[in-house]
């Protein structure tokens, strides 16, 4: 089998996992070297999105503490970025095209820990 495989494919099969492993090890070292408050801020950024300066919390009315993140959900309520969403996309695309998808903005106030959903502005 290896004698019929071209060198580009063989090198990809070897170098791609090695590159991912090296990147993951560097990421673990970088996170271990961060101060705890900076690491907490980075994890909140990854989980809830960036802080939107223009938004005000609809519950506590404080500013500069609302994080927003664009979410995509299929019509049946499955998150598009979850493993169930990927399986739904793969199975439905083979049968009858891509499933209909809705997008909304998930907002979370870091002051009062409240969250709500908003529809994104339409580009017209």
PDB file of N, CA and C in Angstrom:
ATOM      1  N   UNK A   1       0.811  -1.187   0.000  1.00  0.00           N
ATOM      2  CA  UNK A   1       0.000   0.000   0.000  1.00  0.00           C
ATOM      3  C   UNK A   1       0.863   1.263   0.000  1.00  0.00           C
ATOM      4  N   UNK A   2       1.931   1.265   0.769  1.00  0.00           N
ATOM      5  CA  UNK A   2       2.781   2.451   0.841  1.00  0.00           C
ATOM      6  C   UNK A   2       3.522   2.715  -0.463  1.00  0.00           C
ATOM      7  N   UNK A   3       3.804   1.675  -1.215  1.00  0.00           N
ATOM      8  CA  UNK A   3       4.536   1.896  -2.454  1.00  0.00           C
ATOM      9  C   UNK A   3       3.662   2.571  -3.515  1.00  0.00           C
ATOM     10  N   UNK A   4       2.335   2.473  -3.439  1.00  0.00           N
ATOM     11  CA  UNK A   4       1.446   3.114  -4.396  1.00  0.00           C
ATOM     12  C   UNK A   4       1.018   4.517  -3.950  1.00  0.00           C
ATOM     13  N   UNK A   5       1.249   4.887  -2.715  1.00  0.00           N
ATOM     14  CA  UNK A   5       0.850   6.188  -2.190  1.00  0.00           C
ATOM     15  C   UNK A   5       1.892   7.234  -2.594  1.00  0.00           C
ATOM     16  N   UNK A   6       1.439   8.405  -3.045  1.00  0.00           N
ATOM     17  CA  UNK A   6       2.422   9.420  -3.427  1.00  0.00           C
ATOM     18  C   UNK A   6       3.030  10.067  -2.175  1.00  0.00           C
ATOM     19  N   UNK A   7       4.144  10.727  -2.340  1.00  0.00           N
ATOM     20  CA  UNK A   7       4.901  11.272  -1.214  1.00  0.00           C
ATOM     21  C   UNK A   7       4.190  12.431  -0.540  1.00  0.00           C
ATOM     22  N   UNK A   8       3.418  13.196  -1.289  1.00  0.00           N
ATOM     23  CA  UNK A   8       2.683  14.309  -0.683  1.00  0.00           C
ATOM     24  C   UNK A   8       1.658  13.823   0.314  1.00  0.00           C
ATOM     25  N   UNK A   9       0.922  12.807  -0.060  1.00  0.00           N
ATOM     26  CA  UNK A   9      -0.094  12.240   0.825  1.00  0.00           C
ATOM     27  C   UNK A   9       0.557  11.595   2.049  1.00  0.00           C
ATOM     28  N   UNK A  10       1.641  10.886   1.834  1.00  0.00           N
ATOM     29  CA  UNK A  10       2.338  10.229   2.932  1.00  0.00           C
ATOM     30  C   UNK A  10       2.920  11.251   3.907  1.00  0.00           C
ATOM     31  N   UNK A  11       3.518  12.314   3.381  1.00  0.00           N
ATOM     32  CA  UNK A  11       4.069  13.337   4.268  1.00  0.00           C
ATOM     33  C   UNK A  11       2.964  14.069   5.018  1.00  0.00           C
ATOM     34  N   UNK A  12       1.794  14.276   4.394  1.00  0.00           N
ATOM     35  CA  UNK A  12       0.666  14.902   5.094  1.00  0.00           C
ATOM     36  C   UNK A  12       0.197  14.025   6.239  1.00  0.00           C
ATOM     37  N   UNK A  13       0.097  12.722   6.004  1.00  0.00           N
ATOM     38  CA  UNK A  13      -0.359  11.804   7.051  1.00  0.00           C
ATOM     39  C   UNK A  13       0.601  11.764   8.230  1.00  0.00           C
ATOM     40  N   UNK A  14       1.860  12.064   7.999  1.00  0.00           N
ATOM     41  CA  UNK A  14       2.840  12.049   9.084  1.00  0.00           C
ATOM     42  C   UNK A  14       2.993  13.431   9.714  1.00  0.00           C
ATOM     43  N   UNK A  15       3.115  14.476   8.891  1.00  0.00           N
ATOM     44  CA  UNK A  15       3.423  15.805   9.405  1.00  0.00           C
ATOM     45  C   UNK A  15       2.229  16.530  10.016  1.00  0.00           C
ATOM     46  N   UNK A  16       1.021  16.308   9.508  1.00  0.00           N
ATOM     47  CA  UNK A  16      -0.141  17.012  10.052  1.00  0.00           C
ATOM     48  C   UNK A  16      -0.403  16.660  11.518  1.00  0.00           C
ATOM     49  N   UNK A  17      -0.474  15.365  11.894  1.00  0.00           N
ATOM     50  CA  UNK A  17      -0.654  15.056  13.323  1.00  0.00           C
ATOM     51  C   UNK A  17       0.516  15.535  14.179  1.00  0.00           C
ATOM     52  N   UNK A  18       1.729  15.480  13.646  1.00  0.00           N
ATOM     53  CA  UNK A  18       2.885  15.961  14.406  1.00  0.00           C
ATOM     54  C   UNK A  18       2.778  17.472  14.639  1.00  0.00           C
ATOM     55  N   UNK A  19       2.334  18.209  13.622  1.00  0.00           N
ATOM     56  CA  UNK A  19       2.150  19.657  13.768  1.00  0.00           C
ATOM     57  C   UNK A  19       1.078  20.003  14.786  1.00  0.00           C
ATOM     58  N   UNK A  20      -0.011  19.265  14.777  1.00  0.00           N
ATOM     59  CA  UNK A  20      -1.081  19.484  15.765  1.00  0.00           C
ATOM     60  C   UNK A  20      -0.563  19.208  17.171  1.00  0.00           C
ATOM     61  N   UNK A  21       0.203  18.142  17.335  1.00  0.00           N
ATOM     62  CA  UNK A  21       0.762  17.797  18.644  1.00  0.00           C
ATOM     63  C   UNK A  21       1.709  18.886  19.138  1.00  0.00           C
ATOM     64  N   UNK A  22       2.556  19.408  18.271  1.00  0.00           N
ATOM     65  CA  UNK A  22       3.497  20.472  18.642  1.00  0.00           C
ATOM     66  C   UNK A  22       2.749  21.745  18.996  1.00  0.00           C
ATOM     67  N   UNK A  23       1.710  22.081  18.216  1.00  0.00           N
ATOM     68  CA  UNK A  23       0.917  23.284  18.512  1.00  0.00           C
ATOM     69  C   UNK A  23       0.217  23.151  19.861  1.00  0.00           C
ATOM     70  N   UNK A  24      -0.375  21.979  20.153  1.00  0.00           N
ATOM     71  CA  UNK A  24      -1.092  21.770  21.411  1.00  0.00           C
ATOM     72  C   UNK A  24      -0.145  21.866  22.605  1.00  0.00           C
ATOM     73  N   UNK A  25       1.066  21.325  22.467  1.00  0.00           N
ATOM     74  CA  UNK A  25       2.043  21.403  23.559  1.00  0.00           C
ATOM     75  C   UNK A  25       2.448  22.853  23.804  1.00  0.00           C
ATOM     76  N   UNK A  26       2.649  23.620  22.742  1.00  0.00           N
ATOM     77  CA  UNK A  26       2.977  25.039  22.899  1.00  0.00           C
ATOM     78  C   UNK A  26       1.841  25.826  23.528  1.00  0.00           C
ATOM     79  N   UNK A  27       0.598  25.500  23.162  1.00  0.00           N
ATOM     80  CA  UNK A  27      -0.564  26.165  23.747  1.00  0.00           C
ATOM     81  C   UNK A  27      -0.683  25.855  25.243  1.00  0.00           C
ATOM     82  N   UNK A  28      -0.424  24.615  25.642  1.00  0.00           N
ATOM     83  CA  UNK A  28      -0.457  24.264  27.067  1.00  0.00           C
ATOM     84  C   UNK A  28       0.616  25.028  27.839  1.00  0.00           C
ATOM     85  N   UNK A  29       1.829  25.137  27.249  1.00  0.00           N
ATOM     86  CA  UNK A  29       2.900  25.889  27.916  1.00  0.00           C
ATOM     87  C   UNK A  29       2.555  27.366  28.026  1.00  0.00           C
ATOM     88  N   UNK A  30       1.970  27.936  26.962  1.00  0.00           N
ATOM     89  CA  UNK A  30       1.605  29.354  26.979  1.00  0.00           C
ATOM     90  C   UNK A  30       0.548  29.635  28.041  1.00  0.00           C
ATOM     91  N   UNK A  31      -0.449  28.754  28.148  1.00  0.00           N
ATOM     92  CA  UNK A  31      -1.500  28.952  29.153  1.00  0.00           C
ATOM     93  C   UNK A  31      -0.981  28.746  30.571  1.00  0.00           C
ATOM     94  N   UNK A  32      -0.033  27.843  30.763  1.00  0.00           N
ATOM     95  CA  UNK A  32       0.531  27.612  32.092  1.00  0.00           C
ATOM     96  C   UNK A  32       1.364  28.801  32.551  1.00  0.00           C
ATOM     97  N   UNK A  33       1.946  29.551  31.606  1.00  0.00           N
ATOM     98  CA  UNK A  33       2.783  30.687  31.959  1.00  0.00           C
ATOM     99  C   UNK A  33       1.975  31.970  32.189  1.00  0.00           C
ATOM    100  N   UNK A  34       0.688  31.979  31.853  1.00  0.00           N
ATOM    101  CA  UNK A  34      -0.128  33.184  32.008  1.00  0.00           C
ATOM    102  C   UNK A  34      -0.496  33.424  33.466  1.00  0.00           C
ATOM    103  N   UNK A  35      -0.626  34.693  33.852  1.00  0.00           N
ATOM    104  CA  UNK A  35      -1.152  34.995  35.185  1.00  0.00           C
ATOM    105  C   UNK A  35      -2.618  34.534  35.275  1.00  0.00           C
ATOM    106  N   UNK A  36      -3.092  34.191  36.466  1.00  0.00           N
ATOM    107  CA  UNK A  36      -4.449  33.639  36.613  1.00  0.00           C
ATOM    108  C   UNK A  36      -5.560  34.571  36.108  1.00  0.00           C
ATOM    109  N   UNK A  37      -5.452  35.870  36.360  1.00  0.00           N
ATOM    110  CA  UNK A  37      -6.516  36.779  35.904  1.00  0.00           C
ATOM    111  C   UNK A  37      -6.528  36.917  34.379  1.00  0.00           C
ATOM    112  N   UNK A  38      -5.360  36.881  33.749  1.00  0.00           N
ATOM    113  CA  UNK A  38      -5.300  36.940  32.288  1.00  0.00           C
ATOM    114  C   UNK A  38      -5.820  35.640  31.673  1.00  0.00           C
ATOM    115  N   UNK A  39      -5.544  34.508  32.297  1.00  0.00           N
ATOM    116  CA  UNK A  39      -6.059  33.229  31.832  1.00  0.00           C
ATOM    117  C   UNK A  39      -7.580  33.179  31.969  1.00  0.00           C
ATOM    118  N   UNK A  40      -8.097  33.715  33.068  1.00  0.00           N
ATOM    119  CA  UNK A  40      -9.550  33.764  33.269  1.00  0.00           C
ATOM    120  C   UNK A  40     -10.212  34.630  32.196  1.00  0.00           C
ATOM    121  N   UNK A  41      -9.596  35.746  31.844  1.00  0.00           N
ATOM    122  CA  UNK A  41     -10.112  36.629  30.802  1.00  0.00           C
ATOM    123  C   UNK A  41     -10.081  35.937  29.436  1.00  0.00           C
ATOM    124  N   UNK A  42      -9.022  35.213  29.141  1.00  0.00           N
ATOM    125  CA  UNK A  42      -8.909  34.494  27.873  1.00  0.00           C
ATOM    126  C   UNK A  42      -9.969  33.401  27.760  1.00  0.00           C
ATOM    127  N   UNK A  43     -10.199  32.670  28.838  1.00  0.00           N
ATOM    128  CA  UNK A  43     -11.216  31.622  28.813  1.00  0.00           C
ATOM    129  C   UNK A  43     -12.614  32.189  28.662  1.00  0.00           C
ATOM    130  N   UNK A  44     -12.890  33.338  29.282  1.00  0.00           N
ATOM    131  CA  UNK A  44     -14.193  33.992  29.122  1.00  0.00           C
ATOM    132  C   UNK A  44     -14.362  34.481  27.690  1.00  0.00           C
ATOM    133  N   UNK A  45     -13.289  34.980  27.093  1.00  0.00           N
ATOM    134  CA  UNK A  45     -13.326  35.424  25.693  1.00  0.00           C
ATOM    135  C   UNK A  45     -13.638  34.257  24.762  1.00  0.00           C
ATOM    136  N   UNK A  46     -13.030  33.102  25.015  1.00  0.00           N
ATOM    137  CA  UNK A  46     -13.268  31.932  24.170  1.00  0.00           C
ATOM    138  C   UNK A  46     -14.671  31.374  24.361  1.00  0.00           C
ATOM    139  N   UNK A  47     -15.180  31.402  25.582  1.00  0.00           N
ATOM    140  CA  UNK A  47     -16.471  30.793  25.873  1.00  0.00           C
ATOM    141  C   UNK A  47     -17.645  31.697  25.514  1.00  0.00           C
ATOM    142  N   UNK A  48     -17.563  32.996  25.852  1.00  0.00           N
ATOM    143  CA  UNK A  48     -18.704  33.895  25.693  1.00  0.00           C
ATOM    144  C   UNK A  48     -18.517  34.944  24.607  1.00  0.00           C
ATOM    145  N   UNK A  49     -17.344  35.081  24.019  1.00  0.00           N
ATOM    146  CA  UNK A  49     -17.109  36.079  22.980  1.00  0.00           C
ATOM    147  C   UNK A  49     -16.459  37.336  23.541  1.00  0.00           C
ATOM    148  N   UNK A  50     -16.378  38.362  22.689  1.00  0.00           N
ATOM    149  CA  UNK A  50     -15.704  39.600  23.071  1.00  0.00           C
ATOM    150  C   UNK A  50     -16.669  40.560  23.770  1.00  0.00           C
ATOM    151  N   UNK A  51     -16.124  41.538  24.487  1.00  0.00           N
ATOM    152  CA  UNK A  51     -16.941  42.555  25.151  1.00  0.00           C
ATOM    153  C   UNK A  51     -17.337  43.600  24.119  1.00  0.00           C
ATOM    154  N   UNK A  52     -18.628  43.847  23.999  1.00  0.00           N
ATOM    155  CA  UNK A  52     -19.156  44.839  23.065  1.00  0.00           C
ATOM    156  C   UNK A  52     -19.333  46.157  23.821  1.00  0.00           C
ATOM    157  N   UNK A  53     -18.597  47.198  23.396  1.00  0.00           N
ATOM    158  CA  UNK A  53     -18.629  48.490  24.087  1.00  0.00           C
ATOM    159  C   UNK A  53     -19.968  49.203  23.930  1.00  0.00           C
ATOM    160  N   UNK A  54     -20.690  48.921  22.848  1.00  0.00           N
ATOM    161  CA  UNK A  54     -21.933  49.642  22.570  1.00  0.00           C
ATOM    162  C   UNK A  54     -23.140  49.084  23.310  1.00  0.00           C
ATOM    163  N   UNK A  55     -23.073  47.838  23.754  1.00  0.00           N
ATOM    164  CA  UNK A  55     -24.238  47.226  24.393  1.00  0.00           C
ATOM    165  C   UNK A  55     -24.305  47.524  25.878  1.00  0.00           C
ATOM    166  N   UNK A  56     -25.544  47.634  26.347  1.00  0.00           N
ATOM    167  CA  UNK A  56     -25.827  47.819  27.760  1.00  0.00           C
ATOM    168  C   UNK A  56     -26.662  46.630  28.209  1.00  0.00           C
ATOM    169  N   UNK A  57     -26.411  46.125  29.394  1.00  0.00           N
ATOM    170  CA  UNK A  57     -27.157  44.987  29.907  1.00  0.00           C
ATOM    171  C   UNK A  57     -28.619  45.373  30.081  1.00  0.00           C
ATOM    172  N   UNK A  58     -29.532  44.522  29.613  1.00  0.00           N
ATOM    173  CA  UNK A  58     -30.952  44.844  29.720  1.00  0.00           C
ATOM    174  C   UNK A  58     -31.497  44.548  31.111  1.00  0.00           C
ATOM    175  N   UNK A  59     -30.708  43.892  31.961  1.00  0.00           N
ATOM    176  CA  UNK A  59     -31.156  43.568  33.309  1.00  0.00           C
ATOM    177  C   UNK A  59     -30.590  44.527  34.352  1.00  0.00           C
ATOM    178  N   UNK A  60     -29.267  44.731  34.355  1.00  0.00           N
ATOM    179  CA  UNK A  60     -28.645  45.585  35.380  1.00  0.00           C
ATOM    180  C   UNK A  60     -28.220  46.943  34.835  1.00  0.00           C
ATOM    181  N   UNK A  61     -28.358  47.182  33.532  1.00  0.00           N
ATOM    182  CA  UNK A  61     -28.070  48.459  32.857  1.00  0.00           C
ATOM    183  C   UNK A  61     -26.622  48.920  33.025  1.00  0.00           C
ATOM    184  N   UNK A  62     -25.698  47.996  33.133  1.00  0.00           N
ATOM    185  CA  UNK A  62     -24.286  48.369  33.196  1.00  0.00           C
ATOM    186  C   UNK A  62     -23.671  48.238  31.805  1.00  0.00           C
ATOM    187  N   UNK A  63     -22.629  49.025  31.552  1.00  0.00           N
ATOM    188  CA  UNK A  63     -21.971  49.028  30.248  1.00  0.00           C
ATOM    189  C   UNK A  63     -20.582  48.407  30.364  1.00  0.00           C
ATOM    190  N   UNK A  64     -19.999  48.067  29.213  1.00  0.00           N
ATOM    191  CA  UNK A  64     -18.663  47.486  29.093  1.00  0.00           C
ATOM    192  C   UNK A  64     -18.503  46.175  29.856  1.00  0.00           C
ATOM    193  N   UNK A  65     -19.580  45.407  29.951  1.00  0.00           N
ATOM    194  CA  UNK A  65     -19.483  44.094  30.589  1.00  0.00           C
ATOM    195  C   UNK A  65     -20.291  43.039  29.838  1.00  0.00           C
ATOM    196  N   UNK A  66     -20.838  43.391  28.671  1.00  0.00           N
ATOM    197  CA  UNK A  66     -21.655  42.460  27.898  1.00  0.00           C
ATOM    198  C   UNK A  66     -20.790  41.804  26.823  1.00  0.00           C
ATOM    199  N   UNK A  67     -20.715  40.492  26.873  1.00  0.00           N
ATOM    200  CA  UNK A  67     -19.966  39.727  25.876  1.00  0.00           C
ATOM    201  C   UNK A  67     -20.949  39.178  24.852  1.00  0.00           C
ATOM    202  N   UNK A  68     -20.565  39.227  23.565  1.00  0.00           N
ATOM    203  CA  UNK A  68     -21.439  38.749  22.506  1.00  0.00           C
ATOM    204  C   UNK A  68     -20.714  37.708  21.657  1.00  0.00           C
ATOM    205  N   UNK A  69     -21.499  36.750  21.155  1.00  0.00           N
ATOM    206  CA  UNK A  69     -20.954  35.689  20.323  1.00  0.00           C
ATOM    207  C   UNK A  69     -22.032  35.281  19.325  1.00  0.00           C
ATOM    208  N   UNK A  70     -21.657  35.180  18.055  1.00  0.00           N
ATOM    209  CA  UNK A  70     -22.588  34.777  17.006  1.00  0.00           C
ATOM    210  C   UNK A  70     -22.761  33.262  17.050  1.00  0.00           C
ATOM    211  N   UNK A  71     -23.995  32.800  17.153  1.00  0.00           N
ATOM    212  CA  UNK A  71     -24.309  31.378  17.215  1.00  0.00           C
ATOM    213  C   UNK A  71     -25.144  30.992  16.000  1.00  0.00           C
ATOM    214  N   UNK A  72     -24.956  29.794  15.519  1.00  0.00           N
ATOM    215  CA  UNK A  72     -25.749  29.255  14.418  1.00  0.00           C
ATOM    216  C   UNK A  72     -26.468  28.003  14.912  1.00  0.00           C
ATOM    217  N   UNK A  73     -27.771  27.942  14.641  1.00  0.00           N
ATOM    218  CA  UNK A  73     -28.597  26.828  15.091  1.00  0.00           C
ATOM    219  C   UNK A  73     -29.419  26.334  13.915  1.00  0.00           C
ATOM    220  N   UNK A  74     -29.486  25.012  13.762  1.00  0.00           N
ATOM    221  CA  UNK A  74     -30.338  24.442  12.722  1.00  0.00           C
ATOM    222  C   UNK A  74     -31.792  24.533  13.137  1.00  0.00           C
ATOM    223  N   UNK A  75     -32.694  24.298  12.203  1.00  0.00           N
ATOM    224  CA  UNK A  75     -34.120  24.487  12.420  1.00  0.00           C
ATOM    225  C   UNK A  75     -34.666  23.632  13.564  1.00  0.00           C
ATOM    226  N   UNK A  76     -34.094  22.462  13.790  1.00  0.00           N
ATOM    227  CA  UNK A  76     -34.597  21.594  14.861  1.00  0.00           C
ATOM    228  C   UNK A  76     -33.993  21.925  16.226  1.00  0.00           C
ATOM    229  N   UNK A  77     -33.176  22.979  16.329  1.00  0.00           N
ATOM    230  CA  UNK A  77     -32.609  23.407  17.600  1.00  0.00           C
ATOM    231  C   UNK A  77     -31.212  22.910  17.877  1.00  0.00           C
ATOM    232  N   UNK A  78     -30.621  22.169  16.967  1.00  0.00           N
ATOM    233  CA  UNK A  78     -29.267  21.640  17.156  1.00  0.00           C
ATOM    234  C   UNK A  78     -28.240  22.725  16.871  1.00  0.00           C
ATOM    235  N   UNK A  79     -27.265  22.877  17.763  1.00  0.00           N
ATOM    236  CA  UNK A  79     -26.190  23.841  17.564  1.00  0.00           C
ATOM    237  C   UNK A  79     -25.358  23.417  16.363  1.00  0.00           C
ATOM    238  N   UNK A  80     -25.077  24.351  15.458  1.00  0.00           N
ATOM    239  CA  UNK A  80     -24.375  24.022  14.217  1.00  0.00           C
ATOM    240  C   UNK A  80     -22.921  23.637  14.452  1.00  0.00           C
ATOM    241  N   UNK A  81     -22.310  24.091  15.546  1.00  0.00           N
ATOM    242  CA  UNK A  81     -20.904  23.799  15.800  1.00  0.00           C
ATOM    243  C   UNK A  81     -20.700  22.603  16.722  1.00  0.00           C
ATOM    244  N   UNK A  82     -21.768  21.961  17.153  1.00  0.00           N
ATOM    245  CA  UNK A  82     -21.633  20.802  18.022  1.00  0.00           C
ATOM    246  C   UNK A  82     -21.448  19.541  17.174  1.00  0.00           C
ATOM    247  N   UNK A  83     -21.130  18.457  17.829  1.00  0.00           N
ATOM    248  CA  UNK A  83     -20.958  17.205  17.096  1.00  0.00           C
ATOM    249  C   UNK A  83     -22.281  16.740  16.497  1.00  0.00           C
ATOM    250  N   UNK A  84     -23.405  16.971  17.202  1.00  0.00           N
ATOM    251  CA  UNK A  84     -24.710  16.610  16.652  1.00  0.00           C
ATOM    252  C   UNK A  84     -25.026  17.443  15.413  1.00  0.00           C
ATOM    253  N   UNK A  85     -24.627  18.703  15.420  1.00  0.00           N
ATOM    254  CA  UNK A  85     -24.855  19.564  14.269  1.00  0.00           C
ATOM    255  C   UNK A  85     -24.057  19.137  13.055  1.00  0.00           C
ATOM    256  N   UNK A  86     -22.838  18.687  13.280  1.00  0.00           N
ATOM    257  CA  UNK A  86     -22.007  18.224  12.168  1.00  0.00           C
ATOM    258  C   UNK A  86     -22.575  16.935  11.587  1.00  0.00           C
ATOM    259  N   UNK A  87     -23.044  16.029  12.452  1.00  0.00           N
ATOM    260  CA  UNK A  87     -23.663  14.798  11.966  1.00  0.00           C
ATOM    261  C   UNK A  87     -24.934  15.116  11.195  1.00  0.00           C
ATOM    262  N   UNK A  88     -25.751  16.050  11.695  1.00  0.00           N
ATOM    263  CA  UNK A  88     -26.973  16.453  10.994  1.00  0.00           C
ATOM    264  C   UNK A  88     -26.643  17.048   9.635  1.00  0.00           C
ATOM    265  N   UNK A  89     -25.614  17.874   9.563  1.00  0.00           N
ATOM    266  CA  UNK A  89     -25.215  18.473   8.295  1.00  0.00           C
ATOM    267  C   UNK A  89     -24.766  17.399   7.299  1.00  0.00           C
ATOM    268  N   UNK A  90     -23.962  16.457   7.754  1.00  0.00           N
ATOM    269  CA  UNK A  90     -23.457  15.415   6.856  1.00  0.00           C
ATOM    270  C   UNK A  90     -24.564  14.477   6.381  1.00  0.00           C
ATOM    271  N   UNK A  91     -25.468  14.106   7.279  1.00  0.00           N
ATOM    272  CA  UNK A  91     -26.529  13.178   6.881  1.00  0.00           C
ATOM    273  C   UNK A  91     -27.577  13.855   6.017  1.00  0.00           C
ATOM    274  N   UNK A  92     -27.927  15.098   6.301  1.00  0.00           N
ATOM    275  CA  UNK A  92     -28.969  15.755   5.517  1.00  0.00           C
ATOM    276  C   UNK A  92     -28.436  16.250   4.182  1.00  0.00           C
ATOM    277  N   UNK A  93     -27.147  16.576   4.111  1.00  0.00           N
ATOM    278  CA  UNK A  93     -26.615  17.055   2.834  1.00  0.00           C
ATOM    279  C   UNK A  93     -26.556  15.941   1.803  1.00  0.00           C
ATOM    280  N   UNK A  94     -26.441  14.702   2.242  1.00  0.00           N
ATOM    281  CA  UNK A  94     -26.454  13.597   1.284  1.00  0.00           C
ATOM    282  C   UNK A  94     -27.873  13.297   0.819  1.00  0.00           C
ATOM    283  N   UNK A  95     -28.869  13.607   1.647  1.00  0.00           N
ATOM    284  CA  UNK A  95     -30.254  13.317   1.282  1.00  0.00           C
ATOM    285  C   UNK A  95     -30.913  14.453   0.512  1.00  0.00           C
ATOM    286  N   UNK A  96     -30.943  15.630   1.085  1.00  0.00           N
ATOM    287  CA  UNK A  96     -31.734  16.696   0.478  1.00  0.00           C
ATOM    288  C   UNK A  96     -31.125  18.087   0.664  1.00  0.00           C
ATOM    289  N   UNK A  97     -29.850  18.227   0.527  1.00  0.00           N
ATOM    290  CA  UNK A  97     -29.212  19.535   0.652  1.00  0.00           C
ATOM    291  C   UNK A  97     -28.953  19.913   2.094  1.00  0.00           C
ATOM    292  N   UNK A  98     -28.455  21.115   2.304  1.00  0.00           N
ATOM    293  CA  UNK A  98     -28.129  21.560   3.657  1.00  0.00           C
ATOM    294  C   UNK A  98     -29.389  21.933   4.418  1.00  0.00           C
ATOM    295  N   UNK A  99     -29.442  21.645   5.716  1.00  0.00           N
ATOM    296  CA  UNK A  99     -30.630  21.991   6.506  1.00  0.00           C
ATOM    297  C   UNK A  99     -30.704  23.503   6.727  1.00  0.00           C
ATOM    298  N   UNK A 100     -31.906  24.052   6.878  1.00  0.00           N
ATOM    299  CA  UNK A 100     -32.029  25.486   7.137  1.00  0.00           C
ATOM    300  C   UNK A 100     -31.403  25.848   8.479  1.00  0.00           C
ATOM    301  N   UNK A 101     -30.755  27.001   8.498  1.00  0.00           N
ATOM    302  CA  UNK A 101     -29.996  27.407   9.675  1.00  0.00           C
ATOM    303  C   UNK A 101     -30.381  28.832  10.059  1.00  0.00           C
ATOM    304  N   UNK A 102     -30.542  29.094  11.349  1.00  0.00           N
ATOM    305  CA  UNK A 102     -30.791  30.432  11.878  1.00  0.00           C
ATOM    306  C   UNK A 102     -29.549  30.900  12.608  1.00  0.00           C
ATOM    307  N   UNK A 103     -29.274  32.203  12.513  1.00  0.00           N
ATOM    308  CA  UNK A 103     -28.161  32.787  13.253  1.00  0.00           C
ATOM    309  C   UNK A 103     -28.704  33.814  14.232  1.00  0.00           C
ATOM    310  N   UNK A 104     -28.120  33.853  15.394  1.00  0.00           N
ATOM    311  CA  UNK A 104     -28.480  34.847  16.386  1.00  0.00           C
ATOM    312  C   UNK A 104     -27.246  35.203  17.200  1.00  0.00           C
ATOM    313  N   UNK A 105     -27.338  36.287  17.920  1.00  0.00           N
ATOM    314  CA  UNK A 105     -26.235  36.738  18.767  1.00  0.00           C
ATOM    315  C   UNK A 105     -26.577  36.379  20.202  1.00  0.00           C
ATOM    316  N   UNK A 106     -25.702  35.636  20.834  1.00  0.00           N
ATOM    317  CA  UNK A 106     -25.875  35.274  22.238  1.00  0.00           C
ATOM    318  C   UNK A 106     -25.109  36.305  23.067  1.00  0.00           C
ATOM    319  N   UNK A 107     -25.821  37.009  23.933  1.00  0.00           N
ATOM    320  CA  UNK A 107     -25.207  38.043  24.770  1.00  0.00           C
ATOM    321  C   UNK A 107     -25.221  37.585  26.228  1.00  0.00           C
ATOM    322  N   UNK A 108     -24.156  37.913  26.942  1.00  0.00           N
ATOM    323  CA  UNK A 108     -24.055  37.549  28.363  1.00  0.00           C
ATOM    324  C   UNK A 108     -23.428  38.706  29.127  1.00  0.00           C
ATOM    325  N   UNK A 109     -24.093  39.113  30.188  1.00  0.00           N
ATOM    326  CA  UNK A 109     -23.565  40.167  31.058  1.00  0.00           C
ATOM    327  C   UNK A 109     -22.656  39.522  32.093  1.00  0.00           C
ATOM    328  N   UNK A 110     -21.430  39.984  32.171  1.00  0.00           N
ATOM    329  CA  UNK A 110     -20.486  39.434  33.121  1.00  0.00           C
ATOM    330  C   UNK A 110     -20.665  40.043  34.515  1.00  0.00           C
ATOM    331  N   UNK A 111     -21.470  41.100  34.621  1.00  0.00           N
ATOM    332  CA  UNK A 111     -21.722  41.751  35.900  1.00  0.00           C
ATOM    333  C   UNK A 111     -22.798  40.987  36.689  1.00  0.00           C
ATOM    334  N   UNK A 112     -23.947  40.722  36.035  1.00  0.00           N
ATOM    335  CA  UNK A 112     -25.053  40.061  36.729  1.00  0.00           C
ATOM    336  C   UNK A 112     -25.274  38.620  36.269  1.00  0.00           C
ATOM    337  N   UNK A 113     -24.423  38.116  35.377  1.00  0.00           N
ATOM    338  CA  UNK A 113     -24.476  36.745  34.853  1.00  0.00           C
ATOM    339  C   UNK A 113     -25.807  36.409  34.190  1.00  0.00           C
ATOM    340  N   UNK A 114     -26.438  37.389  33.576  1.00  0.00           N
ATOM    341  CA  UNK A 114     -27.664  37.159  32.810  1.00  0.00           C
ATOM    342  C   UNK A 114     -27.305  36.955  31.353  1.00  0.00           C
ATOM    343  N   UNK A 115     -28.155  36.262  30.628  1.00  0.00           N
ATOM    344  CA  UNK A 115     -27.903  36.077  29.202  1.00  0.00           C
ATOM    345  C   UNK A 115     -29.218  36.194  28.437  1.00  0.00           C
ATOM    346  N   UNK A 116     -29.104  36.584  27.172  1.00  0.00           N
ATOM    347  CA  UNK A 116     -30.246  36.720  26.285  1.00  0.00           C
ATOM    348  C   UNK A 116     -29.768  36.577  24.854  1.00  0.00           C
ATOM    349  N   UNK A 117     -30.727  36.387  23.946  1.00  0.00           N
ATOM    350  CA  UNK A 117     -30.427  36.206  22.530  1.00  0.00           C
ATOM    351  C   UNK A 117     -30.966  37.390  21.743  1.00  0.00           C
ATOM    352  N   UNK A 118     -30.236  37.766  20.694  1.00  0.00           N
ATOM    353  CA  UNK A 118     -30.658  38.855  19.813  1.00  0.00           C
ATOM    354  C   UNK A 118     -30.490  38.383  18.372  1.00  0.00           C
ATOM    355  N   UNK A 119     -31.324  38.912  17.483  1.00  0.00           N
ATOM    356  CA  UNK A 119     -31.137  38.646  16.067  1.00  0.00           C
ATOM    357  C   UNK A 119     -30.138  39.628  15.513  1.00  0.00           C
ATOM    358  N   UNK A 120     -29.221  39.188  14.623  1.00  0.00           N
ATOM    359  CA  UNK A 120     -28.245  40.118  14.046  1.00  0.00           C
ATOM    360  C   UNK A 120     -28.937  41.086  13.084  1.00  0.00           C
ATOM    361  N   UNK A 121     -28.318  42.257  12.899  1.00  0.00           N
ATOM    362  CA  UNK A 121     -28.848  43.240  11.981  1.00  0.00           C
ATOM    363  C   UNK A 121     -28.719  42.714  10.548  1.00  0.00           C
ATOM    364  N   UNK A 122     -29.730  42.973   9.749  1.00  0.00           N
ATOM    365  CA  UNK A 122     -29.673  42.529   8.355  1.00  0.00           C
ATOM    366  C   UNK A 122     -28.896  43.543   7.544  1.00  0.00           C
ATOM    367  N   UNK A 123     -28.117  43.049   6.597  1.00  0.00           N
ATOM    368  CA  UNK A 123     -27.309  43.883   5.731  1.00  0.00           C
ATOM    369  C   UNK A 123     -28.102  44.186   4.457  1.00  0.00           C
ATOM    370  N   UNK A 124     -28.744  45.341   4.382  1.00  0.00           N
ATOM    371  CA  UNK A 124     -29.528  45.687   3.187  1.00  0.00           C
ATOM    372  C   UNK A 124     -29.059  46.958   2.584  1.00  0.00           C
TER     373      UNK A 124
END
